[in-house]
Amino acid sequence: MKVIITGTTGMVGEGVLLKCLNIPQIKEILSVSRKPCGVTHPKLKEYIVKDFLSLDLKDEQLKGYDACFFCAGVSSVGMSEEKYRQITYDTTLHFAKTLHPNPQMSFIYVSGGGTDSSEKGRMAWARIKGKTENDLMKLPFKQAFGYRIGFLIAAEGQKRVLKYYRYVNWLIPVMKVLTPNIISSMEEVALSMVYAAQNGYRRNVIYVKDIKTMSKQYKG
C-alpha cells in the first residue's frame, strides 16, 4: 500500500505515522502537513503545504495512493463557528477532492466521539464534524470512514502528546478495565486503518470497539 497521512505534526497523526512506518504492507507514506514532521525514514516522503485550501484539484503529487488517513484537525475552543467550519469542513472536503476520489482509494477521517451525524444537534463542532463525515461518504471513494476515536495511548517515541496526558497516564490500566470502549492504542488505530483501507468494513462510522475488532483481524 501507498498511503497519505495528514496532521503528522499533531498527536494522532504523529502516532499513526510512527506505527505505519513499521507495517510491512505499507511501502510508501506521503506526509502532507503545514510544516515538517521531524521524522526521517526510507518509506517517508513529505509534502509541505501551508494552506490545504490552496491545493490544485489536479495536483499530481497526490495521485497514485491507495488510502488517505486524514488526522489533521483543531479544537473548536475559542473559535468562531465560521472559522471552525472553514478549517474542519471546507479544508477536509477540498483535500479529499484533490485526491481524485476513485473506487481504488479509501479515505479515513479522524473525527471524534460526540460527532453528530444528524447535523441538527446543539453543539456546532459536532454538527460540523457530522457534515464532514456525511459529505466525505458521498464522494466516489472505495469507502470513506469517520473514525470516532476516544482516549489514545501514545506510541513509543511520540513527541507530540497533549499536555494533560502526563497527568492522566496513571489512569490507563483502570480505563482498560472499566471503560474499554473509550480507550485504544495508537497501534490499534493504525492497524485498523490499514485493515479498513484494504478490506472495507460493514459500516462507515467507526467507534473504539470497531478499531479493536479490525486491529485484531489485521494479518501482517
N, C-alpha and C. Protein backbone atom coordinates (compact mmCIF):
# COMPACT_ATOMS: atom_id res chain seq x y z
N MET A 1 0.83 -1.21 0.00
CA MET A 1 0.00 0.00 0.00
C MET A 1 0.86 1.26 0.00
N LYS A 2 0.34 2.27 -0.66
CA LYS A 2 0.91 3.61 -0.58
C LYS A 2 -0.14 4.50 0.08
N VAL A 3 0.22 5.18 1.17
CA VAL A 3 -0.77 5.95 1.91
C VAL A 3 -0.33 7.39 2.12
N ILE A 4 -1.32 8.25 2.24
CA ILE A 4 -1.12 9.64 2.61
C ILE A 4 -1.58 9.80 4.05
N ILE A 5 -0.78 10.50 4.84
CA ILE A 5 -1.18 10.82 6.21
C ILE A 5 -1.08 12.32 6.40
N THR A 6 -2.15 12.94 6.86
CA THR A 6 -2.11 14.37 7.18
C THR A 6 -2.06 14.53 8.70
N GLY A 7 -1.66 15.73 9.13
CA GLY A 7 -1.66 16.02 10.56
C GLY A 7 -0.53 15.35 11.32
N THR A 8 0.58 15.08 10.67
CA THR A 8 1.67 14.36 11.33
C THR A 8 2.43 15.21 12.33
N THR A 9 2.08 16.49 12.43
CA THR A 9 2.68 17.33 13.47
C THR A 9 1.76 17.44 14.68
N GLY A 10 0.69 16.65 14.69
CA GLY A 10 -0.22 16.58 15.84
C GLY A 10 -0.13 15.21 16.48
N MET A 11 -0.80 15.02 17.61
CA MET A 11 -0.68 13.78 18.36
C MET A 11 -1.18 12.57 17.58
N VAL A 12 -2.38 12.65 17.01
CA VAL A 12 -2.94 11.49 16.32
C VAL A 12 -2.13 11.17 15.06
N GLY A 13 -1.86 12.18 14.26
CA GLY A 13 -1.12 11.96 13.02
C GLY A 13 0.28 11.43 13.25
N GLU A 14 0.97 11.98 14.25
CA GLU A 14 2.32 11.50 14.54
C GLU A 14 2.29 10.04 14.99
N GLY A 15 1.34 9.71 15.87
CA GLY A 15 1.24 8.34 16.36
C GLY A 15 0.94 7.36 15.25
N VAL A 16 -0.01 7.71 14.38
CA VAL A 16 -0.35 6.84 13.25
C VAL A 16 0.85 6.68 12.32
N LEU A 17 1.55 7.78 12.05
CA LEU A 17 2.73 7.73 11.19
C LEU A 17 3.78 6.78 11.75
N LEU A 18 4.12 6.95 13.02
CA LEU A 18 5.17 6.11 13.62
C LEU A 18 4.82 4.63 13.54
N LYS A 19 3.56 4.31 13.76
CA LYS A 19 3.14 2.91 13.69
C LYS A 19 3.10 2.41 12.24
N CYS A 20 2.65 3.23 11.32
CA CYS A 20 2.56 2.81 9.93
C CYS A 20 3.94 2.55 9.32
N LEU A 21 4.94 3.26 9.79
CA LEU A 21 6.30 3.04 9.28
C LEU A 21 6.77 1.61 9.53
N ASN A 22 6.19 0.96 10.54
CA ASN A 22 6.59 -0.40 10.90
C ASN A 22 5.66 -1.48 10.36
N ILE A 23 4.68 -1.08 9.55
CA ILE A 23 3.74 -2.06 8.98
C ILE A 23 4.26 -2.49 7.61
N PRO A 24 4.60 -3.77 7.45
CA PRO A 24 5.22 -4.24 6.20
C PRO A 24 4.41 -3.97 4.95
N GLN A 25 3.08 -4.03 5.06
CA GLN A 25 2.24 -3.85 3.88
C GLN A 25 2.31 -2.43 3.32
N ILE A 26 2.77 -1.49 4.11
CA ILE A 26 2.87 -0.11 3.64
C ILE A 26 4.27 0.13 3.09
N LYS A 27 4.34 0.40 1.79
CA LYS A 27 5.65 0.57 1.16
C LYS A 27 6.04 2.03 1.00
N GLU A 28 5.05 2.93 1.08
CA GLU A 28 5.35 4.36 0.93
C GLU A 28 4.33 5.19 1.68
N ILE A 29 4.82 6.22 2.35
CA ILE A 29 3.95 7.16 3.08
C ILE A 29 4.28 8.57 2.62
N LEU A 30 3.25 9.32 2.29
CA LEU A 30 3.41 10.74 1.99
C LEU A 30 2.78 11.52 3.12
N SER A 31 3.59 12.25 3.87
CA SER A 31 3.09 13.13 4.92
C SER A 31 2.77 14.48 4.29
N VAL A 32 1.52 14.90 4.38
CA VAL A 32 1.12 16.21 3.89
C VAL A 32 0.79 17.07 5.10
N SER A 33 1.57 18.10 5.31
CA SER A 33 1.41 18.90 6.52
C SER A 33 1.88 20.32 6.26
N ARG A 34 1.57 21.20 7.20
CA ARG A 34 1.94 22.61 7.05
C ARG A 34 3.40 22.86 7.40
N LYS A 35 4.02 21.93 8.09
CA LYS A 35 5.44 22.05 8.45
C LYS A 35 6.04 20.66 8.56
N PRO A 36 7.36 20.54 8.53
CA PRO A 36 8.00 19.22 8.59
C PRO A 36 7.61 18.46 9.86
N CYS A 37 7.47 17.14 9.71
CA CYS A 37 7.04 16.33 10.85
C CYS A 37 8.18 15.94 11.77
N GLY A 38 9.42 16.12 11.32
CA GLY A 38 10.56 15.82 12.18
C GLY A 38 10.93 14.35 12.21
N VAL A 39 10.39 13.55 11.29
CA VAL A 39 10.69 12.12 11.23
C VAL A 39 11.36 11.82 9.90
N THR A 40 12.40 10.99 9.92
CA THR A 40 13.04 10.56 8.69
C THR A 40 12.98 9.04 8.61
N HIS A 41 12.71 8.53 7.42
CA HIS A 41 12.59 7.08 7.21
C HIS A 41 12.59 6.83 5.71
N PRO A 42 13.17 5.69 5.26
CA PRO A 42 13.20 5.40 3.83
C PRO A 42 11.82 5.35 3.17
N LYS A 43 10.78 4.99 3.93
CA LYS A 43 9.42 4.90 3.37
C LYS A 43 8.76 6.27 3.24
N LEU A 44 9.28 7.26 3.96
CA LEU A 44 8.56 8.52 4.15
C LEU A 44 8.99 9.63 3.19
N LYS A 45 7.97 10.24 2.58
CA LYS A 45 8.16 11.46 1.80
C LYS A 45 7.32 12.56 2.44
N GLU A 46 7.73 13.81 2.25
CA GLU A 46 6.96 14.92 2.81
C GLU A 46 6.56 15.91 1.73
N TYR A 47 5.36 16.43 1.90
CA TYR A 47 4.84 17.46 1.01
C TYR A 47 4.34 18.58 1.92
N ILE A 48 5.07 19.68 1.96
CA ILE A 48 4.73 20.79 2.85
C ILE A 48 3.75 21.72 2.13
N VAL A 49 2.58 21.88 2.73
CA VAL A 49 1.52 22.71 2.16
C VAL A 49 1.03 23.66 3.24
N LYS A 50 1.28 24.93 3.07
CA LYS A 50 0.92 25.92 4.10
C LYS A 50 -0.58 26.06 4.27
N ASP A 51 -1.32 25.92 3.18
CA ASP A 51 -2.77 26.07 3.23
C ASP A 51 -3.40 25.00 2.34
N PHE A 52 -4.07 24.02 2.95
CA PHE A 52 -4.67 22.93 2.17
C PHE A 52 -5.68 23.45 1.16
N LEU A 53 -6.34 24.57 1.47
CA LEU A 53 -7.34 25.11 0.56
C LEU A 53 -6.72 25.65 -0.72
N SER A 54 -5.39 25.84 -0.71
CA SER A 54 -4.72 26.36 -1.90
C SER A 54 -4.32 25.24 -2.87
N LEU A 55 -4.51 24.00 -2.47
CA LEU A 55 -4.12 22.89 -3.33
C LEU A 55 -4.94 22.86 -4.61
N ASP A 56 -4.26 22.60 -5.71
CA ASP A 56 -4.92 22.47 -7.01
C ASP A 56 -5.62 21.12 -7.07
N LEU A 57 -6.82 21.11 -7.60
CA LEU A 57 -7.57 19.86 -7.71
C LEU A 57 -6.90 18.86 -8.66
N LYS A 58 -5.93 19.32 -9.42
CA LYS A 58 -5.21 18.44 -10.34
C LYS A 58 -3.77 18.19 -9.88
N ASP A 59 -3.53 18.38 -8.60
CA ASP A 59 -2.17 18.22 -8.05
C ASP A 59 -1.64 16.81 -8.32
N GLU A 60 -0.56 16.73 -9.08
CA GLU A 60 -0.01 15.44 -9.48
C GLU A 60 0.67 14.71 -8.32
N GLN A 61 1.12 15.46 -7.30
CA GLN A 61 1.83 14.82 -6.18
C GLN A 61 0.90 13.98 -5.31
N LEU A 62 -0.39 14.15 -5.46
CA LEU A 62 -1.35 13.43 -4.64
C LEU A 62 -2.00 12.26 -5.38
N LYS A 63 -1.50 11.95 -6.55
CA LYS A 63 -2.05 10.85 -7.34
C LYS A 63 -1.35 9.53 -7.01
N GLY A 64 -2.07 8.43 -7.21
CA GLY A 64 -1.46 7.12 -7.15
C GLY A 64 -1.40 6.48 -5.77
N TYR A 65 -2.20 6.96 -4.83
CA TYR A 65 -2.19 6.40 -3.47
C TYR A 65 -3.42 5.52 -3.23
N ASP A 66 -3.25 4.56 -2.33
CA ASP A 66 -4.32 3.60 -2.04
C ASP A 66 -5.24 4.05 -0.92
N ALA A 67 -4.74 4.93 -0.05
CA ALA A 67 -5.54 5.37 1.09
C ALA A 67 -5.03 6.69 1.62
N CYS A 68 -5.93 7.41 2.26
CA CYS A 68 -5.57 8.63 2.98
C CYS A 68 -6.06 8.52 4.41
N PHE A 69 -5.15 8.73 5.36
CA PHE A 69 -5.50 8.76 6.77
C PHE A 69 -5.47 10.23 7.19
N PHE A 70 -6.64 10.86 7.20
CA PHE A 70 -6.73 12.30 7.45
C PHE A 70 -6.82 12.55 8.96
N CYS A 71 -5.67 12.88 9.55
CA CYS A 71 -5.58 13.05 11.01
C CYS A 71 -5.44 14.52 11.41
N ALA A 72 -5.48 15.43 10.44
CA ALA A 72 -5.37 16.86 10.75
C ALA A 72 -6.66 17.35 11.38
N GLY A 73 -6.54 18.31 12.28
CA GLY A 73 -7.73 18.87 12.91
C GLY A 73 -7.37 19.84 14.01
N VAL A 74 -8.35 20.62 14.45
CA VAL A 74 -8.13 21.59 15.52
C VAL A 74 -9.26 21.51 16.53
N SER A 75 -9.01 22.03 17.70
CA SER A 75 -10.05 22.14 18.72
C SER A 75 -10.94 23.34 18.40
N SER A 76 -12.21 23.24 18.75
CA SER A 76 -13.15 24.34 18.50
C SER A 76 -13.12 25.38 19.61
N VAL A 77 -12.37 25.11 20.68
CA VAL A 77 -12.34 26.02 21.83
C VAL A 77 -11.83 27.40 21.42
N GLY A 78 -12.60 28.43 21.73
CA GLY A 78 -12.21 29.79 21.44
C GLY A 78 -12.28 30.18 19.98
N MET A 79 -12.94 29.39 19.16
CA MET A 79 -13.00 29.65 17.72
C MET A 79 -14.44 29.88 17.29
N SER A 80 -14.64 30.81 16.39
CA SER A 80 -15.99 31.07 15.89
C SER A 80 -16.46 29.88 15.07
N GLU A 81 -17.78 29.73 14.98
CA GLU A 81 -18.34 28.62 14.20
C GLU A 81 -17.92 28.72 12.74
N GLU A 82 -17.88 29.93 12.20
CA GLU A 82 -17.50 30.11 10.79
C GLU A 82 -16.05 29.67 10.55
N LYS A 83 -15.15 30.07 11.44
CA LYS A 83 -13.75 29.71 11.28
C LYS A 83 -13.55 28.21 11.46
N TYR A 84 -14.25 27.63 12.44
CA TYR A 84 -14.12 26.19 12.68
C TYR A 84 -14.65 25.41 11.48
N ARG A 85 -15.72 25.89 10.89
CA ARG A 85 -16.28 25.22 9.71
C ARG A 85 -15.27 25.26 8.55
N GLN A 86 -14.64 26.41 8.39
CA GLN A 86 -13.67 26.53 7.29
C GLN A 86 -12.50 25.55 7.47
N ILE A 87 -11.96 25.48 8.69
CA ILE A 87 -10.82 24.61 8.94
C ILE A 87 -11.21 23.14 8.92
N THR A 88 -12.37 22.83 9.49
CA THR A 88 -12.76 21.43 9.63
C THR A 88 -13.47 20.88 8.40
N TYR A 89 -14.49 21.58 7.93
CA TYR A 89 -15.27 21.07 6.80
C TYR A 89 -14.64 21.45 5.45
N ASP A 90 -14.48 22.74 5.21
CA ASP A 90 -14.00 23.19 3.89
C ASP A 90 -12.65 22.58 3.55
N THR A 91 -11.73 22.63 4.51
CA THR A 91 -10.38 22.13 4.26
C THR A 91 -10.37 20.64 3.98
N THR A 92 -11.10 19.88 4.80
CA THR A 92 -11.12 18.42 4.63
C THR A 92 -11.73 18.01 3.31
N LEU A 93 -12.88 18.60 2.97
CA LEU A 93 -13.54 18.23 1.70
C LEU A 93 -12.69 18.64 0.50
N HIS A 94 -12.07 19.81 0.58
CA HIS A 94 -11.23 20.23 -0.54
C HIS A 94 -10.05 19.27 -0.71
N PHE A 95 -9.43 18.91 0.41
CA PHE A 95 -8.29 18.00 0.33
C PHE A 95 -8.72 16.66 -0.26
N ALA A 96 -9.85 16.15 0.21
CA ALA A 96 -10.35 14.87 -0.30
C ALA A 96 -10.54 14.92 -1.81
N LYS A 97 -11.03 16.04 -2.31
CA LYS A 97 -11.28 16.15 -3.75
C LYS A 97 -9.98 16.24 -4.56
N THR A 98 -8.91 16.74 -3.94
CA THR A 98 -7.62 16.80 -4.65
C THR A 98 -7.02 15.42 -4.84
N LEU A 99 -7.55 14.42 -4.12
CA LEU A 99 -7.01 13.06 -4.21
C LEU A 99 -7.59 12.27 -5.37
N HIS A 100 -8.42 12.93 -6.19
CA HIS A 100 -9.04 12.25 -7.32
C HIS A 100 -9.81 11.02 -6.83
N PRO A 101 -10.86 11.22 -6.02
CA PRO A 101 -11.61 10.09 -5.43
C PRO A 101 -11.96 9.05 -6.47
N ASN A 102 -11.68 7.79 -6.13
CA ASN A 102 -11.92 6.70 -7.07
C ASN A 102 -12.15 5.40 -6.31
N PRO A 103 -12.71 4.38 -6.96
CA PRO A 103 -13.07 3.13 -6.28
C PRO A 103 -11.88 2.30 -5.80
N GLN A 104 -10.65 2.73 -6.08
CA GLN A 104 -9.48 2.01 -5.60
C GLN A 104 -8.88 2.63 -4.35
N MET A 105 -9.42 3.77 -3.92
CA MET A 105 -8.83 4.51 -2.80
C MET A 105 -9.80 4.62 -1.63
N SER A 106 -9.27 4.44 -0.41
CA SER A 106 -10.07 4.59 0.81
C SER A 106 -9.68 5.89 1.51
N PHE A 107 -10.65 6.50 2.19
CA PHE A 107 -10.40 7.75 2.90
C PHE A 107 -10.87 7.59 4.35
N ILE A 108 -9.96 7.81 5.28
CA ILE A 108 -10.29 7.70 6.70
C ILE A 108 -10.14 9.07 7.35
N TYR A 109 -11.23 9.55 7.90
CA TYR A 109 -11.28 10.87 8.53
C TYR A 109 -11.39 10.71 10.04
N VAL A 110 -10.42 11.24 10.76
CA VAL A 110 -10.44 11.17 12.22
C VAL A 110 -11.33 12.29 12.75
N SER A 111 -12.49 11.92 13.27
CA SER A 111 -13.40 12.93 13.82
C SER A 111 -13.33 12.88 15.34
N GLY A 112 -14.24 12.17 15.99
CA GLY A 112 -14.19 12.08 17.45
C GLY A 112 -15.53 11.70 18.02
N GLY A 113 -15.50 11.23 19.26
CA GLY A 113 -16.73 10.89 19.95
C GLY A 113 -17.63 12.11 20.09
N GLY A 114 -18.93 11.91 19.94
CA GLY A 114 -19.87 13.02 20.05
C GLY A 114 -20.21 13.66 18.72
N THR A 115 -19.56 13.23 17.65
CA THR A 115 -19.87 13.76 16.32
C THR A 115 -21.34 13.50 15.99
N ASP A 116 -21.99 14.51 15.40
CA ASP A 116 -23.44 14.47 15.19
C ASP A 116 -23.78 14.20 13.72
N SER A 117 -24.11 12.96 13.43
CA SER A 117 -24.43 12.58 12.04
C SER A 117 -25.70 13.25 11.53
N SER A 118 -26.60 13.64 12.44
CA SER A 118 -27.86 14.27 12.02
C SER A 118 -27.65 15.70 11.54
N GLU A 119 -26.53 16.30 11.96
CA GLU A 119 -26.19 17.69 11.63
C GLU A 119 -27.19 18.68 12.23
N LYS A 120 -27.96 18.26 13.24
CA LYS A 120 -29.01 19.11 13.80
C LYS A 120 -28.87 19.36 15.30
N GLY A 121 -27.82 18.85 15.91
CA GLY A 121 -27.66 18.98 17.34
C GLY A 121 -27.30 20.39 17.79
N ARG A 122 -27.19 20.57 19.10
CA ARG A 122 -26.94 21.90 19.68
C ARG A 122 -25.48 22.32 19.54
N MET A 123 -24.57 21.35 19.53
CA MET A 123 -23.14 21.67 19.52
C MET A 123 -22.65 21.89 18.08
N ALA A 124 -22.16 23.10 17.82
CA ALA A 124 -21.73 23.44 16.46
C ALA A 124 -20.61 22.53 15.97
N TRP A 125 -19.61 22.26 16.83
CA TRP A 125 -18.48 21.44 16.39
C TRP A 125 -18.95 20.04 15.99
N ALA A 126 -19.92 19.50 16.74
CA ALA A 126 -20.42 18.15 16.46
C ALA A 126 -21.20 18.12 15.15
N ARG A 127 -21.99 19.18 14.88
CA ARG A 127 -22.73 19.27 13.61
C ARG A 127 -21.76 19.35 12.43
N ILE A 128 -20.72 20.17 12.60
CA ILE A 128 -19.77 20.38 11.51
C ILE A 128 -19.00 19.10 11.22
N LYS A 129 -18.57 18.42 12.25
CA LYS A 129 -17.87 17.14 12.04
C LYS A 129 -18.81 16.11 11.42
N GLY A 130 -20.08 16.13 11.84
CA GLY A 130 -21.04 15.21 11.25
C GLY A 130 -21.23 15.46 9.77
N LYS A 131 -21.35 16.72 9.40
CA LYS A 131 -21.50 17.07 7.98
C LYS A 131 -20.25 16.68 7.20
N THR A 132 -19.09 16.86 7.83
CA THR A 132 -17.84 16.48 7.16
C THR A 132 -17.83 14.98 6.87
N GLU A 133 -18.16 14.18 7.88
CA GLU A 133 -18.25 12.73 7.68
C GLU A 133 -19.24 12.40 6.57
N ASN A 134 -20.44 12.96 6.67
CA ASN A 134 -21.52 12.64 5.72
C ASN A 134 -21.13 12.96 4.28
N ASP A 135 -20.51 14.13 4.08
CA ASP A 135 -20.19 14.54 2.72
C ASP A 135 -18.98 13.80 2.16
N LEU A 136 -18.06 13.40 3.02
CA LEU A 136 -16.95 12.56 2.56
C LEU A 136 -17.47 11.23 2.03
N MET A 137 -18.50 10.72 2.70
CA MET A 137 -19.05 9.41 2.32
C MET A 137 -19.82 9.46 1.00
N LYS A 138 -20.09 10.67 0.51
CA LYS A 138 -20.78 10.82 -0.77
C LYS A 138 -19.80 10.84 -1.95
N LEU A 139 -18.52 11.00 -1.65
CA LEU A 139 -17.51 11.03 -2.72
C LEU A 139 -17.24 9.60 -3.20
N PRO A 140 -16.80 9.45 -4.44
CA PRO A 140 -16.67 8.10 -5.02
C PRO A 140 -15.40 7.34 -4.63
N PHE A 141 -15.11 7.34 -3.33
CA PHE A 141 -14.01 6.52 -2.83
C PHE A 141 -14.45 5.06 -2.75
N LYS A 142 -13.49 4.16 -2.63
CA LYS A 142 -13.79 2.76 -2.36
C LYS A 142 -14.67 2.68 -1.12
N GLN A 143 -14.28 3.38 -0.05
CA GLN A 143 -15.10 3.56 1.15
C GLN A 143 -14.49 4.71 1.96
N ALA A 144 -15.34 5.53 2.54
CA ALA A 144 -14.88 6.61 3.41
C ALA A 144 -15.38 6.33 4.81
N PHE A 145 -14.53 6.59 5.79
CA PHE A 145 -14.83 6.28 7.18
C PHE A 145 -14.71 7.51 8.07
N GLY A 146 -15.59 7.60 9.07
CA GLY A 146 -15.46 8.59 10.12
C GLY A 146 -14.98 7.87 11.37
N TYR A 147 -13.77 8.15 11.80
CA TYR A 147 -13.17 7.49 12.95
C TYR A 147 -13.45 8.28 14.22
N ARG A 148 -14.34 7.76 15.05
CA ARG A 148 -14.70 8.46 16.29
C ARG A 148 -13.87 7.90 17.44
N ILE A 149 -12.63 8.32 17.44
CA ILE A 149 -11.66 7.83 18.42
C ILE A 149 -11.98 8.36 19.82
N GLY A 150 -11.46 7.67 20.81
CA GLY A 150 -11.61 8.11 22.20
C GLY A 150 -10.27 8.50 22.77
N PHE A 151 -9.99 8.05 23.98
CA PHE A 151 -8.70 8.31 24.62
C PHE A 151 -7.65 7.42 23.97
N LEU A 152 -6.51 8.01 23.62
CA LEU A 152 -5.47 7.26 22.91
C LEU A 152 -4.24 7.05 23.78
N ILE A 153 -3.69 5.85 23.71
CA ILE A 153 -2.42 5.56 24.36
C ILE A 153 -1.33 5.92 23.36
N ALA A 154 -0.47 6.84 23.71
CA ALA A 154 0.55 7.34 22.79
C ALA A 154 1.51 6.23 22.35
N ALA A 155 2.05 6.38 21.14
CA ALA A 155 3.02 5.43 20.62
C ALA A 155 4.38 5.69 21.27
N GLU A 156 5.18 4.65 21.33
CA GLU A 156 6.54 4.79 21.85
C GLU A 156 7.32 5.77 20.97
N GLY A 157 7.98 6.71 21.59
CA GLY A 157 8.78 7.67 20.85
C GLY A 157 8.04 8.90 20.40
N GLN A 158 6.75 9.00 20.76
CA GLN A 158 5.99 10.20 20.37
C GLN A 158 6.49 11.44 21.09
N LYS A 159 6.59 12.52 20.35
CA LYS A 159 6.99 13.81 20.91
C LYS A 159 5.81 14.75 21.07
N ARG A 160 4.80 14.55 20.24
CA ARG A 160 3.65 15.46 20.24
C ARG A 160 2.47 14.80 20.96
N VAL A 161 2.49 14.95 22.27
CA VAL A 161 1.45 14.38 23.12
C VAL A 161 0.79 15.53 23.87
N LEU A 162 -0.54 15.54 23.92
CA LEU A 162 -1.25 16.61 24.62
C LEU A 162 -0.78 16.71 26.07
N LYS A 163 -0.63 17.93 26.55
CA LYS A 163 -0.01 18.16 27.85
C LYS A 163 -0.74 17.47 29.00
N TYR A 164 -2.07 17.42 28.92
CA TYR A 164 -2.80 16.86 30.05
C TYR A 164 -2.60 15.35 30.19
N TYR A 165 -2.07 14.71 29.14
CA TYR A 165 -1.87 13.26 29.20
C TYR A 165 -0.91 12.87 30.32
N ARG A 166 0.06 13.73 30.60
CA ARG A 166 1.04 13.39 31.63
C ARG A 166 0.39 13.27 33.01
N TYR A 167 -0.77 13.89 33.17
CA TYR A 167 -1.46 13.85 34.46
C TYR A 167 -2.46 12.70 34.57
N VAL A 168 -2.81 12.10 33.44
CA VAL A 168 -3.84 11.05 33.47
C VAL A 168 -3.31 9.69 33.04
N ASN A 169 -2.03 9.62 32.68
CA ASN A 169 -1.47 8.34 32.23
C ASN A 169 -1.64 7.23 33.26
N TRP A 170 -1.62 7.59 34.53
CA TRP A 170 -1.74 6.58 35.58
C TRP A 170 -3.11 5.91 35.57
N LEU A 171 -4.08 6.55 34.89
CA LEU A 171 -5.44 6.01 34.82
C LEU A 171 -5.61 4.94 33.73
N ILE A 172 -4.63 4.82 32.84
CA ILE A 172 -4.78 3.93 31.69
C ILE A 172 -5.11 2.49 32.08
N PRO A 173 -4.39 1.87 33.04
CA PRO A 173 -4.75 0.49 33.42
C PRO A 173 -6.19 0.37 33.94
N VAL A 174 -6.64 1.40 34.65
CA VAL A 174 -8.01 1.39 35.17
C VAL A 174 -9.01 1.53 34.03
N MET A 175 -8.72 2.44 33.09
CA MET A 175 -9.63 2.65 31.95
C MET A 175 -9.74 1.40 31.09
N LYS A 176 -8.65 0.67 30.93
CA LYS A 176 -8.67 -0.55 30.12
C LYS A 176 -9.66 -1.57 30.69
N VAL A 177 -9.81 -1.55 32.01
CA VAL A 177 -10.70 -2.50 32.67
C VAL A 177 -12.13 -1.97 32.74
N LEU A 178 -12.28 -0.72 33.18
CA LEU A 178 -13.60 -0.17 33.45
C LEU A 178 -14.28 0.44 32.22
N THR A 179 -13.50 1.01 31.32
CA THR A 179 -14.08 1.68 30.15
C THR A 179 -13.33 1.28 28.88
N PRO A 180 -13.30 0.00 28.54
CA PRO A 180 -12.51 -0.45 27.40
C PRO A 180 -12.96 0.11 26.06
N ASN A 181 -14.19 0.56 25.96
CA ASN A 181 -14.70 1.06 24.68
C ASN A 181 -14.48 2.54 24.44
N ILE A 182 -13.66 3.17 25.31
CA ILE A 182 -13.31 4.57 25.04
C ILE A 182 -11.79 4.76 24.97
N ILE A 183 -11.04 3.67 25.02
CA ILE A 183 -9.58 3.79 25.00
C ILE A 183 -8.98 2.79 24.02
N SER A 184 -8.00 3.26 23.27
CA SER A 184 -7.30 2.37 22.33
C SER A 184 -5.87 2.88 22.18
N SER A 185 -5.01 2.02 21.68
CA SER A 185 -3.62 2.39 21.47
C SER A 185 -3.42 2.91 20.05
N MET A 186 -2.34 3.66 19.85
CA MET A 186 -2.02 4.13 18.50
C MET A 186 -1.80 2.95 17.55
N GLU A 187 -1.23 1.87 18.06
CA GLU A 187 -1.02 0.69 17.23
C GLU A 187 -2.35 0.12 16.75
N GLU A 188 -3.33 0.04 17.66
CA GLU A 188 -4.65 -0.46 17.27
C GLU A 188 -5.28 0.44 16.21
N VAL A 189 -5.14 1.75 16.39
CA VAL A 189 -5.71 2.69 15.43
C VAL A 189 -5.06 2.50 14.05
N ALA A 190 -3.72 2.46 14.02
CA ALA A 190 -3.00 2.33 12.75
C ALA A 190 -3.33 1.02 12.06
N LEU A 191 -3.31 -0.09 12.79
CA LEU A 191 -3.61 -1.39 12.19
C LEU A 191 -5.04 -1.45 11.67
N SER A 192 -5.97 -0.85 12.42
CA SER A 192 -7.37 -0.86 11.98
C SER A 192 -7.55 -0.03 10.71
N MET A 193 -6.80 1.07 10.60
CA MET A 193 -6.87 1.90 9.40
C MET A 193 -6.41 1.12 8.17
N VAL A 194 -5.31 0.41 8.33
CA VAL A 194 -4.79 -0.39 7.22
C VAL A 194 -5.79 -1.48 6.85
N TYR A 195 -6.34 -2.13 7.87
CA TYR A 195 -7.34 -3.18 7.62
C TYR A 195 -8.55 -2.61 6.88
N ALA A 196 -9.06 -1.48 7.36
CA ALA A 196 -10.24 -0.88 6.74
C ALA A 196 -9.96 -0.49 5.30
N ALA A 197 -8.79 0.08 5.05
CA ALA A 197 -8.44 0.50 3.70
C ALA A 197 -8.33 -0.68 2.75
N GLN A 198 -7.80 -1.79 3.24
CA GLN A 198 -7.61 -2.97 2.39
C GLN A 198 -8.89 -3.78 2.21
N ASN A 199 -9.63 -3.94 3.29
CA ASN A 199 -10.75 -4.88 3.29
C ASN A 199 -12.13 -4.26 3.38
N GLY A 200 -12.20 -2.96 3.66
CA GLY A 200 -13.50 -2.36 3.90
C GLY A 200 -14.04 -2.78 5.26
N TYR A 201 -15.22 -2.28 5.58
CA TYR A 201 -15.85 -2.62 6.86
C TYR A 201 -17.36 -2.51 6.69
N ARG A 202 -18.07 -3.13 7.61
CA ARG A 202 -19.53 -3.23 7.45
C ARG A 202 -20.24 -1.90 7.66
N ARG A 203 -19.57 -0.92 8.25
CA ARG A 203 -20.18 0.41 8.37
C ARG A 203 -19.09 1.47 8.20
N ASN A 204 -19.56 2.69 7.96
CA ASN A 204 -18.64 3.79 7.70
C ASN A 204 -18.24 4.57 8.94
N VAL A 205 -19.10 4.58 9.94
CA VAL A 205 -18.78 5.27 11.20
C VAL A 205 -18.12 4.26 12.13
N ILE A 206 -16.90 4.57 12.54
CA ILE A 206 -16.07 3.63 13.28
C ILE A 206 -15.90 4.11 14.73
N TYR A 207 -16.23 3.21 15.67
CA TYR A 207 -16.05 3.51 17.09
C TYR A 207 -14.87 2.72 17.64
N VAL A 208 -14.53 2.96 18.90
CA VAL A 208 -13.37 2.31 19.50
C VAL A 208 -13.49 0.79 19.43
N LYS A 209 -14.69 0.27 19.68
CA LYS A 209 -14.86 -1.19 19.63
C LYS A 209 -14.59 -1.74 18.23
N ASP A 210 -14.91 -0.95 17.19
CA ASP A 210 -14.61 -1.36 15.82
C ASP A 210 -13.11 -1.32 15.55
N ILE A 211 -12.45 -0.29 16.10
CA ILE A 211 -11.00 -0.18 15.96
C ILE A 211 -10.32 -1.42 16.54
N LYS A 212 -10.76 -1.84 17.71
CA LYS A 212 -10.19 -3.03 18.34
C LYS A 212 -10.47 -4.29 17.51
N THR A 213 -11.68 -4.39 16.99
CA THR A 213 -12.05 -5.56 16.17
C THR A 213 -11.18 -5.65 14.93
N MET A 214 -11.05 -4.55 14.21
CA MET A 214 -10.27 -4.56 12.97
C MET A 214 -8.79 -4.78 13.22
N SER A 215 -8.26 -4.19 14.28
CA SER A 215 -6.84 -4.37 14.57
C SER A 215 -6.52 -5.83 14.88
N LYS A 216 -7.47 -6.54 15.49
CA LYS A 216 -7.27 -7.97 15.78
C LYS A 216 -7.39 -8.82 14.51
N GLN A 217 -8.20 -8.34 13.56
CA GLN A 217 -8.39 -9.08 12.32
C GLN A 217 -7.25 -8.84 11.32
N TYR A 218 -6.53 -7.76 11.54
CA TYR A 218 -5.41 -7.44 10.63
C TYR A 218 -4.37 -8.55 10.69
N LYS A 219 -3.93 -8.98 9.53
CA LYS A 219 -2.88 -10.01 9.45
C LYS A 219 -1.71 -9.43 8.69
N GLY A 220 -0.65 -9.14 9.41
CA GLY A 220 0.53 -8.53 8.78
C GLY A 220 1.34 -9.52 7.97
